[in-house]
C-alpha cells in the first residue's frame, strides 16, 4: 500500500501540531510548514520554516517533485489569538490581510498544480464559529448555531468576516477549478501542548493558568461579567472529526464543536475544583465577544456519524494539570 502524504500548513500551531503528531502515528509522510516549530513536539518527516504570505514560498512547499501531489493538504495557518488579540480592534487590518493572503496563495498554488498535473490534493480549511452573526449570539442560553445560520452574514469581528470570505473562496475554487475541499467551523478547540500564556491563549488555557498560579484565598481576573457562555471541544475529538470529514464525500461547511454550554465563570470554578481551590473571581473590563455561542452538531452527526464523547470537565482536567506542570517547570 502506498504511503499517504500530507501537508500541514500551520503545523507549528496548537491544532496543526497535534494533527502532525496524529498523522505520523498513522503512518503518513508529513511535511509541516510554519513561521515557527511546535514548542512541545516536532515529529514531521520534514519541517519547512517560512512565510505563507509569500506566493513563491507557498508554491515551493506544495511541490513534491516528479509531478506528484500531496494526498491531503490541511490549511490551518492564520493570524489569530484569543479575545484580547481578536476583539481589541487594533489588529483587524493585520489579521484580515495576513489570513486572506495565505488562503489566496494556497488556493492559487494548488490551482496551478491541478491545471498542470490534472491531479489535486483534498484540501481541508479550518474556518471558525466566529463567522456566525452577532444577533444570533445575544443570549447566554444559546440554542446552538446551525450551519445555515451564517446568513444573512454579520460576524461580530473582522476575524470572523475574513474566515467567512475564505470559506467562500475555497468553495469558489472548488467549483471553478475542480479542487476537492472540506470546510469546517471550529468551536473553541482546547487541550494541552498549546499556547497557555503571552496574550494569544484561548479562555480554557488562560483560566487554567490563572487558577493553577493562584494561591489559596487569592483572586483571579475574568473579562466582563463572566456570564458569557461558550462550548469547548477537546483537541483529540477535533482531530477525530477532521479525519472523518476528510474521508467523506461532503464538502461542508460543518461545525466541529461540543454542545456542552458553560459560562466563563463556571469554567473557572471547574478549574478550581481540580485542586479544591477557593478563589474569588474579579470581573474586570475587557474584550469578551458575543454573549453566548454554542454548536449545533445535527449536520455533522448526519453527514459523518461523528459526535464528541469527552466531557468538558474531563478535557479541562487534562489541560489544567499540563499547564500546572509548565508553570512548575518555569518557576
C-alpha atoms as a PDB file:
ATOM      1  CA  UNK A   1       0.000   0.000   0.000  1.00  0.00           C
ATOM      2  CA  UNK A   2       1.384   3.413  -0.995  1.00  0.00           C
ATOM      3  CA  UNK A   3       2.212   5.684   1.926  1.00  0.00           C
ATOM      4  CA  UNK A   4      -0.130   8.676   2.095  1.00  0.00           C
ATOM      5  CA  UNK A   5       1.437  12.135   2.020  1.00  0.00           C
ATOM      6  CA  UNK A   6       0.058  15.093   3.928  1.00  0.00           C
ATOM      7  CA  UNK A   7       0.981  18.771   4.045  1.00  0.00           C
ATOM      8  CA  UNK A   8       0.082  20.594   7.266  1.00  0.00           C
ATOM      9  CA  UNK A   9       0.166  24.370   6.895  1.00  0.00           C
ATOM     10  CA  UNK A  10       0.315  25.924  10.343  1.00  0.00           C
ATOM     11  CA  UNK A  11       1.931  22.798  11.771  1.00  0.00           C
ATOM     12  CA  UNK A  12       3.707  24.850  14.432  1.00  0.00           C
ATOM     13  CA  UNK A  13       0.393  25.875  15.965  1.00  0.00           C
ATOM     14  CA  UNK A  14      -1.798  24.128  18.506  1.00  0.00           C
ATOM     15  CA  UNK A  15      -4.190  22.176  16.271  1.00  0.00           C
ATOM     16  CA  UNK A  16      -1.638  21.798  13.484  1.00  0.00           C
ATOM     17  CA  UNK A  17       0.991  20.332  15.798  1.00  0.00           C
ATOM     18  CA  UNK A  18      -1.434  17.804  17.231  1.00  0.00           C
ATOM     19  CA  UNK A  19      -2.544  16.913  13.696  1.00  0.00           C
ATOM     20  CA  UNK A  20       1.049  16.298  12.576  1.00  0.00           C
ATOM     21  CA  UNK A  21       1.544  14.006  15.567  1.00  0.00           C
ATOM     22  CA  UNK A  22      -1.689  12.109  14.784  1.00  0.00           C
ATOM     23  CA  UNK A  23      -0.908  11.669  11.072  1.00  0.00           C
ATOM     24  CA  UNK A  24       2.617  10.433  11.809  1.00  0.00           C
ATOM     25  CA  UNK A  25       1.222   7.861  14.257  1.00  0.00           C
ATOM     26  CA  UNK A  26      -0.981   6.594  11.426  1.00  0.00           C
ATOM     27  CA  UNK A  27       1.915   6.097   9.017  1.00  0.00           C
ATOM     28  CA  UNK A  28       1.627   9.217   6.869  1.00  0.00           C
ATOM     29  CA  UNK A  29       4.622  11.001   5.374  1.00  0.00           C
ATOM     30  CA  UNK A  30       4.133  14.550   6.687  1.00  0.00           C
ATOM     31  CA  UNK A  31       5.564  17.922   5.717  1.00  0.00           C
ATOM     32  CA  UNK A  32       4.834  20.658   8.255  1.00  0.00           C
ATOM     33  CA  UNK A  33       5.109  24.370   7.452  1.00  0.00           C
ATOM     34  CA  UNK A  34       5.047  27.371   9.778  1.00  0.00           C
ATOM     35  CA  UNK A  35       6.837  30.505  10.940  1.00  0.00           C
ATOM     36  CA  UNK A  36       7.990  28.533  13.970  1.00  0.00           C
ATOM     37  CA  UNK A  37       8.325  24.925  15.038  1.00  0.00           C
ATOM     38  CA  UNK A  38       5.882  23.468  17.531  1.00  0.00           C
ATOM     39  CA  UNK A  39       7.001  24.207  21.089  1.00  0.00           C
ATOM     40  CA  UNK A  40       6.199  20.814  22.575  1.00  0.00           C
ATOM     41  CA  UNK A  41       6.719  18.209  19.888  1.00  0.00           C
ATOM     42  CA  UNK A  42       8.366  18.147  16.476  1.00  0.00           C
ATOM     43  CA  UNK A  43       7.966  14.914  14.588  1.00  0.00           C
ATOM     44  CA  UNK A  44       7.114  15.621  10.940  1.00  0.00           C
ATOM     45  CA  UNK A  45       9.198  13.932   8.267  1.00  0.00           C
ATOM     46  CA  UNK A  46      10.049  17.402   7.054  1.00  0.00           C
ATOM     47  CA  UNK A  47       9.594  20.812   8.680  1.00  0.00           C
ATOM     48  CA  UNK A  48       9.840  23.878   6.445  1.00  0.00           C
ATOM     49  CA  UNK A  49      10.284  27.261   8.106  1.00  0.00           C
ATOM     50  CA  UNK A  50       8.773  30.106   6.112  1.00  0.00           C
ATOM     51  CA  UNK A  51       6.073  32.665   5.445  1.00  0.00           C
ATOM     52  CA  UNK A  52       2.944  31.564   3.578  1.00  0.00           C
ATOM     53  CA  UNK A  53       2.198  35.205   2.731  1.00  0.00           C
ATOM     54  CA  UNK A  54       4.815  34.699   0.006  1.00  0.00           C
ATOM     55  CA  UNK A  55       3.310  33.035  -3.070  1.00  0.00           C
ATOM     56  CA  UNK A  56       6.660  31.662  -4.238  1.00  0.00           C
ATOM     57  CA  UNK A  57       7.264  30.057  -0.851  1.00  0.00           C
ATOM     58  CA  UNK A  58       3.738  28.614  -0.749  1.00  0.00           C
ATOM     59  CA  UNK A  59       4.177  27.149  -4.216  1.00  0.00           C
ATOM     60  CA  UNK A  60       7.507  25.595  -3.211  1.00  0.00           C
ATOM     61  CA  UNK A  61       6.126  23.748  -0.163  1.00  0.00           C
ATOM     62  CA  UNK A  62       3.353  22.220  -2.283  1.00  0.00           C
ATOM     63  CA  UNK A  63       5.949  20.762  -4.666  1.00  0.00           C
ATOM     64  CA  UNK A  64       6.657  17.040  -4.230  1.00  0.00           C
ATOM     65  CA  UNK A  65       8.790  16.616  -7.375  1.00  0.00           C
ATOM     66  CA  UNK A  66       8.270  14.039 -10.137  1.00  0.00           C
ATOM     67  CA  UNK A  67       4.853  15.509 -10.901  1.00  0.00           C
ATOM     68  CA  UNK A  68       3.364  14.062  -7.704  1.00  0.00           C
ATOM     69  CA  UNK A  69       0.940  15.924  -5.449  1.00  0.00           C
ATOM     70  CA  UNK A  70       0.063  15.578  -1.783  1.00  0.00           C
ATOM     71  CA  UNK A  71      -2.894  13.359  -0.987  1.00  0.00           C
ATOM     72  CA  UNK A  72      -4.116  15.768   1.678  1.00  0.00           C
ATOM     73  CA  UNK A  73      -3.457  19.433   2.480  1.00  0.00           C
ATOM     74  CA  UNK A  74      -4.555  20.853   5.836  1.00  0.00           C
ATOM     75  CA  UNK A  75      -4.761  24.651   5.806  1.00  0.00           C
ATOM     76  CA  UNK A  76      -4.645  25.695   9.463  1.00  0.00           C
ATOM     77  CA  UNK A  77      -2.312  28.682   9.085  1.00  0.00           C
ATOM     78  CA  UNK A  78      -3.839  32.004  10.147  1.00  0.00           C
ATOM     79  CA  UNK A  79      -3.172  35.188  12.070  1.00  0.00           C
ATOM     80  CA  UNK A  80      -5.138  34.557  15.233  1.00  0.00           C
ATOM     81  CA  UNK A  81      -5.221  34.598  19.021  1.00  0.00           C
ATOM     82  CA  UNK A  82      -7.527  34.911  21.996  1.00  0.00           C
ATOM     83  CA  UNK A  83     -10.177  37.566  22.627  1.00  0.00           C
ATOM     84  CA  UNK A  84      -7.580  40.131  23.684  1.00  0.00           C
ATOM     85  CA  UNK A  85      -5.969  39.902  20.244  1.00  0.00           C
ATOM     86  CA  UNK A  86      -9.029  39.380  18.047  1.00  0.00           C
ATOM     87  CA  UNK A  87     -11.514  41.793  19.628  1.00  0.00           C
ATOM     88  CA  UNK A  88      -9.311  44.745  20.606  1.00  0.00           C
ATOM     89  CA  UNK A  89      -9.754  46.316  17.147  1.00  0.00           C
ATOM     90  CA  UNK A  90      -6.059  47.107  16.989  1.00  0.00           C
ATOM     91  CA  UNK A  91      -5.158  44.083  14.840  1.00  0.00           C
ATOM     92  CA  UNK A  92      -8.100  43.961  12.400  1.00  0.00           C
ATOM     93  CA  UNK A  93      -6.235  45.034   9.253  1.00  0.00           C
ATOM     94  CA  UNK A  94      -3.275  42.792  10.030  1.00  0.00           C
ATOM     95  CA  UNK A  95      -5.482  39.755  10.704  1.00  0.00           C
ATOM     96  CA  UNK A  96      -7.565  40.241   7.553  1.00  0.00           C
ATOM     97  CA  UNK A  97      -4.576  40.918   5.318  1.00  0.00           C
ATOM     98  CA  UNK A  98      -2.384  38.088   6.566  1.00  0.00           C
ATOM     99  CA  UNK A  99      -5.006  35.340   6.666  1.00  0.00           C
ATOM    100  CA  UNK A 100      -6.662  36.187   3.349  1.00  0.00           C
ATOM    101  CA  UNK A 101      -3.246  36.449   1.664  1.00  0.00           C
ATOM    102  CA  UNK A 102      -2.290  32.997   2.935  1.00  0.00           C
ATOM    103  CA  UNK A 103      -5.540  31.445   1.693  1.00  0.00           C
ATOM    104  CA  UNK A 104      -5.270  33.077  -1.729  1.00  0.00           C
ATOM    105  CA  UNK A 105      -1.689  31.849  -2.063  1.00  0.00           C
ATOM    106  CA  UNK A 106      -2.602  28.298  -1.040  1.00  0.00           C
ATOM    107  CA  UNK A 107      -5.502  28.088  -3.474  1.00  0.00           C
ATOM    108  CA  UNK A 108      -3.642  29.703  -6.375  1.00  0.00           C
ATOM    109  CA  UNK A 109      -0.696  27.354  -5.879  1.00  0.00           C
ATOM    110  CA  UNK A 110      -2.989  24.304  -5.774  1.00  0.00           C
ATOM    111  CA  UNK A 111      -4.900  25.582  -8.804  1.00  0.00           C
ATOM    112  CA  UNK A 112      -1.613  25.720 -10.722  1.00  0.00           C
ATOM    113  CA  UNK A 113      -0.737  22.174  -9.666  1.00  0.00           C
ATOM    114  CA  UNK A 114      -4.182  20.928 -10.654  1.00  0.00           C
ATOM    115  CA  UNK A 115      -4.055  22.546 -14.079  1.00  0.00           C
ATOM    116  CA  UNK A 116      -0.502  21.303 -14.726  1.00  0.00           C
ATOM    117  CA  UNK A 117      -0.845  17.729 -13.477  1.00  0.00           C
ATOM    118  CA  UNK A 118      -4.559  17.017 -13.682  1.00  0.00           C
ATOM    119  CA  UNK A 119      -4.366  15.915 -10.027  1.00  0.00           C
ATOM    120  CA  UNK A 120      -5.317  17.733  -6.855  1.00  0.00           C
ATOM    121  CA  UNK A 121      -4.978  17.068  -3.135  1.00  0.00           C
ATOM    122  CA  UNK A 122      -8.049  17.120  -0.920  1.00  0.00           C
ATOM    123  CA  UNK A 123      -7.822  20.431   0.935  1.00  0.00           C
ATOM    124  CA  UNK A 124      -9.091  20.951   4.485  1.00  0.00           C
ATOM    125  CA  UNK A 125      -9.763  24.549   5.535  1.00  0.00           C
ATOM    126  CA  UNK A 126     -10.249  25.485   9.183  1.00  0.00           C
ATOM    127  CA  UNK A 127     -12.914  28.150   9.457  1.00  0.00           C
ATOM    128  CA  UNK A 128     -14.376  29.329  12.748  1.00  0.00           C
ATOM    129  CA  UNK A 129     -17.573  29.718  14.744  1.00  0.00           C
ATOM    130  CA  UNK A 130     -16.692  33.427  14.678  1.00  0.00           C
ATOM    131  CA  UNK A 131     -18.375  33.611  11.252  1.00  0.00           C
ATOM    132  CA  UNK A 132     -21.863  33.445  12.801  1.00  0.00           C
ATOM    133  CA  UNK A 133     -23.985  36.631  13.034  1.00  0.00           C
ATOM    134  CA  UNK A 134     -23.728  38.681  16.192  1.00  0.00           C
ATOM    135  CA  UNK A 135     -27.519  38.982  16.577  1.00  0.00           C
ATOM    136  CA  UNK A 136     -27.842  35.176  16.846  1.00  0.00           C
ATOM    137  CA  UNK A 137     -25.465  35.157  19.820  1.00  0.00           C
ATOM    138  CA  UNK A 138     -27.039  37.714  22.173  1.00  0.00           C
ATOM    139  CA  UNK A 139     -28.469  35.166  24.632  1.00  0.00           C
ATOM    140  CA  UNK A 140     -26.266  33.311  27.119  1.00  0.00           C
ATOM    141  CA  UNK A 141     -28.617  30.312  26.722  1.00  0.00           C
ATOM    142  CA  UNK A 142     -27.616  29.869  23.076  1.00  0.00           C
ATOM    143  CA  UNK A 143     -29.674  27.089  21.461  1.00  0.00           C
ATOM    144  CA  UNK A 144     -26.795  26.073  19.187  1.00  0.00           C
ATOM    145  CA  UNK A 145     -25.767  27.541  15.854  1.00  0.00           C
ATOM    146  CA  UNK A 146     -26.681  25.607  12.725  1.00  0.00           C
ATOM    147  CA  UNK A 147     -24.548  25.926   9.606  1.00  0.00           C
ATOM    148  CA  UNK A 148     -27.317  27.762   7.730  1.00  0.00           C
ATOM    149  CA  UNK A 149     -27.405  30.412  10.474  1.00  0.00           C
ATOM    150  CA  UNK A 150     -24.325  32.005   8.884  1.00  0.00           C
ATOM    151  CA  UNK A 151     -26.516  34.045   6.512  1.00  0.00           C
ATOM    152  CA  UNK A 152     -27.537  36.860   6.355  1.00  0.00           C
ATOM    153  CA  UNK A 153     -23.939  37.469   7.371  1.00  0.00           C
ATOM    154  CA  UNK A 154     -22.943  39.718  10.259  1.00  0.00           C
ATOM    155  CA  UNK A 155     -19.924  38.360  12.176  1.00  0.00           C
ATOM    156  CA  UNK A 156     -19.008  40.305  15.312  1.00  0.00           C
ATOM    157  CA  UNK A 157     -15.324  40.691  14.355  1.00  0.00           C
ATOM    158  CA  UNK A 158     -13.182  41.259  11.288  1.00  0.00           C
ATOM    159  CA  UNK A 159     -11.522  37.935  12.100  1.00  0.00           C
ATOM    160  CA  UNK A 160     -14.938  36.336  11.532  1.00  0.00           C
ATOM    161  CA  UNK A 161     -15.503  38.278   8.305  1.00  0.00           C
ATOM    162  CA  UNK A 162     -12.170  37.076   6.928  1.00  0.00           C
ATOM    163  CA  UNK A 163     -13.000  33.474   7.828  1.00  0.00           C
ATOM    164  CA  UNK A 164     -16.375  33.743   6.077  1.00  0.00           C
ATOM    165  CA  UNK A 165     -14.770  35.287   2.978  1.00  0.00           C
ATOM    166  CA  UNK A 166     -12.200  32.488   2.902  1.00  0.00           C
ATOM    167  CA  UNK A 167     -14.904  29.821   3.202  1.00  0.00           C
ATOM    168  CA  UNK A 168     -16.471  31.223   0.044  1.00  0.00           C
ATOM    169  CA  UNK A 169     -13.044  31.385  -1.574  1.00  0.00           C
ATOM    170  CA  UNK A 170     -12.443  27.655  -1.038  1.00  0.00           C
ATOM    171  CA  UNK A 171     -15.857  26.721  -2.397  1.00  0.00           C
ATOM    172  CA  UNK A 172     -15.389  29.011  -5.432  1.00  0.00           C
ATOM    173  CA  UNK A 173     -12.015  27.471  -6.301  1.00  0.00           C
ATOM    174  CA  UNK A 174     -13.552  24.039  -5.865  1.00  0.00           C
ATOM    175  CA  UNK A 175     -16.382  24.818  -8.291  1.00  0.00           C
ATOM    176  CA  UNK A 176     -14.238  26.581 -10.879  1.00  0.00           C
ATOM    177  CA  UNK A 177     -11.024  24.542 -10.786  1.00  0.00           C
ATOM    178  CA  UNK A 178     -12.064  21.107  -9.508  1.00  0.00           C
ATOM    179  CA  UNK A 179     -10.176  21.266  -6.199  1.00  0.00           C
ATOM    180  CA  UNK A 180     -11.799  18.949  -3.615  1.00  0.00           C
ATOM    181  CA  UNK A 181     -12.260  20.926  -0.391  1.00  0.00           C
ATOM    182  CA  UNK A 182     -13.536  20.309   3.131  1.00  0.00           C
ATOM    183  CA  UNK A 183     -14.545  23.368   5.179  1.00  0.00           C
ATOM    184  CA  UNK A 184     -15.102  23.073   8.943  1.00  0.00           C
ATOM    185  CA  UNK A 185     -16.070  25.674  11.522  1.00  0.00           C
ATOM    186  CA  UNK A 186     -14.156  25.092  14.754  1.00  0.00           C
ATOM    187  CA  UNK A 187     -15.864  25.918  18.053  1.00  0.00           C
ATOM    188  CA  UNK A 188     -13.163  26.720  20.624  1.00  0.00           C
ATOM    189  CA  UNK A 189     -10.744  23.806  20.451  1.00  0.00           C
ATOM    190  CA  UNK A 190      -8.623  23.328  23.575  1.00  0.00           C
ATOM    191  CA  UNK A 191      -6.197  20.943  25.221  1.00  0.00           C
ATOM    192  CA  UNK A 192      -2.585  20.513  26.346  1.00  0.00           C
ATOM    193  CA  UNK A 193       0.540  21.325  24.332  1.00  0.00           C
ATOM    194  CA  UNK A 194      -0.711  24.672  23.093  1.00  0.00           C
ATOM    195  CA  UNK A 195      -0.373  28.380  23.844  1.00  0.00           C
ATOM    196  CA  UNK A 196      -1.130  28.994  27.517  1.00  0.00           C
ATOM    197  CA  UNK A 197       0.345  32.460  28.136  1.00  0.00           C
ATOM    198  CA  UNK A 198       1.546  35.565  26.325  1.00  0.00           C
ATOM    199  CA  UNK A 199      -1.806  37.042  25.260  1.00  0.00           C
ATOM    200  CA  UNK A 200      -2.792  34.758  22.366  1.00  0.00           C
ATOM    201  CA  UNK A 201      -4.078  31.889  24.508  1.00  0.00           C
ATOM    202  CA  UNK A 202      -7.774  30.980  24.500  1.00  0.00           C
ATOM    203  CA  UNK A 203     -10.087  31.086  27.527  1.00  0.00           C
ATOM    204  CA  UNK A 204      -9.585  27.497  28.830  1.00  0.00           C
ATOM    205  CA  UNK A 205      -5.790  27.842  28.830  1.00  0.00           C
ATOM    206  CA  UNK A 206      -5.873  31.349  30.313  1.00  0.00           C
ATOM    207  CA  UNK A 207      -8.209  30.287  33.116  1.00  0.00           C
ATOM    208  CA  UNK A 208      -6.257  27.109  33.879  1.00  0.00           C
ATOM    209  CA  UNK A 209      -3.060  29.173  34.102  1.00  0.00           C
ATOM    210  CA  UNK A 210      -4.627  31.778  36.391  1.00  0.00           C
ATOM    211  CA  UNK A 211      -6.131  29.169  38.711  1.00  0.00           C
ATOM    212  CA  UNK A 212      -3.010  26.991  38.830  1.00  0.00           C
ATOM    213  CA  UNK A 213      -0.862  30.051  39.549  1.00  0.00           C
ATOM    214  CA  UNK A 214      -3.087  31.465  42.304  1.00  0.00           C
ATOM    215  CA  UNK A 215      -2.535  30.901  45.994  1.00  0.00           C
ATOM    216  CA  UNK A 216      -5.461  29.635  48.079  1.00  0.00           C
ATOM    217  CA  UNK A 217      -7.725  32.542  49.043  1.00  0.00           C
ATOM    218  CA  UNK A 218      -6.453  34.840  46.288  1.00  0.00           C
ATOM    219  CA  UNK A 219      -8.481  36.046  43.292  1.00  0.00           C
ATOM    220  CA  UNK A 220      -8.375  35.647  39.523  1.00  0.00           C
ATOM    221  CA  UNK A 221      -9.475  38.172  36.909  1.00  0.00           C
ATOM    222  CA  UNK A 222     -12.061  37.440  34.217  1.00  0.00           C
ATOM    223  CA  UNK A 223     -13.047  39.883  31.480  1.00  0.00           C
ATOM    224  CA  UNK A 224     -16.633  41.116  31.540  1.00  0.00           C
ATOM    225  CA  UNK A 225     -19.230  39.775  33.963  1.00  0.00           C
ATOM    226  CA  UNK A 226     -18.165  36.182  33.281  1.00  0.00           C
ATOM    227  CA  UNK A 227     -21.703  35.151  32.384  1.00  0.00           C
ATOM    228  CA  UNK A 228     -20.866  34.977  28.675  1.00  0.00           C
ATOM    229  CA  UNK A 229     -21.133  31.366  27.506  1.00  0.00           C
ATOM    230  CA  UNK A 230     -19.233  29.133  25.103  1.00  0.00           C
ATOM    231  CA  UNK A 231     -18.804  25.465  24.237  1.00  0.00           C
ATOM    232  CA  UNK A 232     -15.316  23.952  24.117  1.00  0.00           C
ATOM    233  CA  UNK A 233     -14.093  20.831  22.292  1.00  0.00           C
ATOM    234  CA  UNK A 234     -11.063  18.785  23.336  1.00  0.00           C
ATOM    235  CA  UNK A 235      -8.288  18.544  20.742  1.00  0.00           C
ATOM    236  CA  UNK A 236      -8.326  14.744  20.279  1.00  0.00           C
ATOM    237  CA  UNK A 237     -12.018  14.815  19.414  1.00  0.00           C
ATOM    238  CA  UNK A 238     -11.430  17.650  16.966  1.00  0.00           C
ATOM    239  CA  UNK A 239      -8.833  15.512  15.170  1.00  0.00           C
ATOM    240  CA  UNK A 240     -11.266  12.580  15.012  1.00  0.00           C
ATOM    241  CA  UNK A 241     -13.859  14.826  13.363  1.00  0.00           C
ATOM    242  CA  UNK A 242     -11.350  16.253  10.863  1.00  0.00           C
ATOM    243  CA  UNK A 243     -10.258  12.791   9.764  1.00  0.00           C
ATOM    244  CA  UNK A 244     -13.821  11.524   9.419  1.00  0.00           C
ATOM    245  CA  UNK A 245     -14.566  14.610   7.337  1.00  0.00           C
ATOM    246  CA  UNK A 246     -11.594  14.088   5.013  1.00  0.00           C
ATOM    247  CA  UNK A 247     -12.668  10.562   4.025  1.00  0.00           C
ATOM    248  CA  UNK A 248     -16.278  11.627   3.442  1.00  0.00           C
ATOM    249  CA  UNK A 249     -17.773  12.972   0.220  1.00  0.00           C
ATOM    250  CA  UNK A 250     -19.201  16.041   1.965  1.00  0.00           C
ATOM    251  CA  UNK A 251     -17.614  19.449   1.382  1.00  0.00           C
ATOM    252  CA  UNK A 252     -19.247  21.293   4.263  1.00  0.00           C
ATOM    253  CA  UNK A 253     -19.327  23.680   5.859  1.00  0.00           C
ATOM    254  CA  UNK A 254     -19.801  21.758   9.092  1.00  0.00           C
ATOM    255  CA  UNK A 255     -19.490  22.636  12.750  1.00  0.00           C
ATOM    256  CA  UNK A 256     -16.802  20.827  14.710  1.00  0.00           C
ATOM    257  CA  UNK A 257     -17.569  21.532  18.341  1.00  0.00           C
ATOM    258  CA  UNK A 258     -19.257  20.500  21.553  1.00  0.00           C
ATOM    259  CA  UNK A 259     -22.836  21.260  22.592  1.00  0.00           C
ATOM    260  CA  UNK A 260     -21.904  21.491  26.292  1.00  0.00           C
ATOM    261  CA  UNK A 261     -22.508  25.172  27.061  1.00  0.00           C
ATOM    262  CA  UNK A 262     -20.690  26.768  30.013  1.00  0.00           C
ATOM    263  CA  UNK A 263     -20.231  30.293  31.354  1.00  0.00           C
ATOM    264  CA  UNK A 264     -16.709  31.621  31.735  1.00  0.00           C
ATOM    265  CA  UNK A 265     -17.269  31.991  35.482  1.00  0.00           C
ATOM    266  CA  UNK A 266     -18.325  28.337  35.692  1.00  0.00           C
ATOM    267  CA  UNK A 267     -15.320  27.331  33.591  1.00  0.00           C
ATOM    268  CA  UNK A 268     -13.154  28.941  36.266  1.00  0.00           C
ATOM    269  CA  UNK A 269     -14.985  27.088  39.043  1.00  0.00           C
ATOM    270  CA  UNK A 270     -14.440  23.767  37.248  1.00  0.00           C
ATOM    271  CA  UNK A 271     -10.709  24.547  37.048  1.00  0.00           C
ATOM    272  CA  UNK A 272     -10.660  25.442  40.764  1.00  0.00           C
ATOM    273  CA  UNK A 273     -12.223  22.081  41.650  1.00  0.00           C
ATOM    274  CA  UNK A 274      -9.218  20.100  40.395  1.00  0.00           C
ATOM    275  CA  UNK A 275      -7.121  21.145  43.405  1.00  0.00           C
ATOM    276  CA  UNK A 276     -10.016  22.172  45.657  1.00  0.00           C
ATOM    277  CA  UNK A 277      -9.019  25.826  45.459  1.00  0.00           C
ATOM    278  CA  UNK A 278     -11.283  28.542  46.808  1.00  0.00           C
ATOM    279  CA  UNK A 279     -10.575  31.663  44.742  1.00  0.00           C
ATOM    280  CA  UNK A 280     -12.568  34.846  44.305  1.00  0.00           C
ATOM    281  CA  UNK A 281     -13.434  35.953  40.779  1.00  0.00           C
ATOM    282  CA  UNK A 282     -12.813  39.604  39.976  1.00  0.00           C
ATOM    283  CA  UNK A 283     -14.706  40.638  36.844  1.00  0.00           C
ATOM    284  CA  UNK A 284     -12.873  43.415  35.026  1.00  0.00           C
ATOM    285  CA  UNK A 285     -13.378  45.391  31.820  1.00  0.00           C
ATOM    286  CA  UNK A 286     -12.003  43.697  28.724  1.00  0.00           C
ATOM    287  CA  UNK A 287     -12.917  42.119  25.372  1.00  0.00           C
ATOM    288  CA  UNK A 288     -15.474  39.340  25.802  1.00  0.00           C
ATOM    289  CA  UNK A 289     -17.053  38.768  22.377  1.00  0.00           C
ATOM    290  CA  UNK A 290     -20.662  37.666  21.967  1.00  0.00           C
ATOM    291  CA  UNK A 291     -22.892  36.784  24.941  1.00  0.00           C
ATOM    292  CA  UNK A 292     -23.480  33.166  24.003  1.00  0.00           C
ATOM    293  CA  UNK A 293     -22.062  30.790  21.385  1.00  0.00           C
ATOM    294  CA  UNK A 294     -22.781  27.090  21.082  1.00  0.00           C
ATOM    295  CA  UNK A 295     -22.518  24.453  18.375  1.00  0.00           C
ATOM    296  CA  UNK A 296     -25.445  22.572  16.875  1.00  0.00           C
ATOM    297  CA  UNK A 297     -23.994  19.237  15.750  1.00  0.00           C
ATOM    298  CA  UNK A 298     -27.039  17.903  13.892  1.00  0.00           C
ATOM    299  CA  UNK A 299     -25.357  18.144  10.484  1.00  0.00           C
ATOM    300  CA  UNK A 300     -22.017  16.614  11.469  1.00  0.00           C
ATOM    301  CA  UNK A 301     -23.837  13.697  13.117  1.00  0.00           C
ATOM    302  CA  UNK A 302     -25.944  13.144   9.998  1.00  0.00           C
ATOM    303  CA  UNK A 303     -23.121  13.501   7.464  1.00  0.00           C
ATOM    304  CA  UNK A 304     -20.162  11.963   9.309  1.00  0.00           C
ATOM    305  CA  UNK A 305     -21.681   9.911  12.110  1.00  0.00           C
ATOM    306  CA  UNK A 306     -19.324  11.755  14.458  1.00  0.00           C
ATOM    307  CA  UNK A 307     -20.059  13.008  17.957  1.00  0.00           C
ATOM    308  CA  UNK A 308     -17.893  14.118  20.859  1.00  0.00           C
ATOM    309  CA  UNK A 309     -17.530  11.775  23.840  1.00  0.00           C
ATOM    310  CA  UNK A 310     -15.289  13.529  26.364  1.00  0.00           C
ATOM    311  CA  UNK A 311     -16.945  15.907  28.822  1.00  0.00           C
ATOM    312  CA  UNK A 312     -15.670  19.451  29.254  1.00  0.00           C
ATOM    313  CA  UNK A 313     -14.573  18.631  32.810  1.00  0.00           C
ATOM    314  CA  UNK A 314     -12.514  15.630  31.678  1.00  0.00           C
ATOM    315  CA  UNK A 315     -10.763  17.587  28.933  1.00  0.00           C
ATOM    316  CA  UNK A 316     -10.198  20.617  31.142  1.00  0.00           C
ATOM    317  CA  UNK A 317      -8.642  18.442  33.856  1.00  0.00           C
ATOM    318  CA  UNK A 318      -6.055  17.099  31.405  1.00  0.00           C
ATOM    319  CA  UNK A 319      -5.318  20.639  30.238  1.00  0.00           C
ATOM    320  CA  UNK A 320      -5.165  22.066  33.762  1.00  0.00           C
ATOM    321  CA  UNK A 321      -2.545  19.653  35.064  1.00  0.00           C
ATOM    322  CA  UNK A 322      -0.461  20.020  31.911  1.00  0.00           C
ATOM    323  CA  UNK A 323      -0.435  23.826  32.349  1.00  0.00           C
ATOM    324  CA  UNK A 324       0.346  23.445  36.056  1.00  0.00           C
ATOM    325  CA  UNK A 325       3.358  21.341  35.059  1.00  0.00           C
ATOM    326  CA  UNK A 326       4.517  24.069  32.647  1.00  0.00           C
ATOM    327  CA  UNK A 327       4.276  26.679  35.397  1.00  0.00           C
ATOM    328  CA  UNK A 328       6.313  24.492  37.745  1.00  0.00           C
ATOM    329  CA  UNK A 329       8.997  23.983  35.089  1.00  0.00           C
ATOM    330  CA  UNK A 330       9.122  27.735  34.505  1.00  0.00           C
ATOM    331  CA  UNK A 331       9.365  28.620  38.209  1.00  0.00           C
END
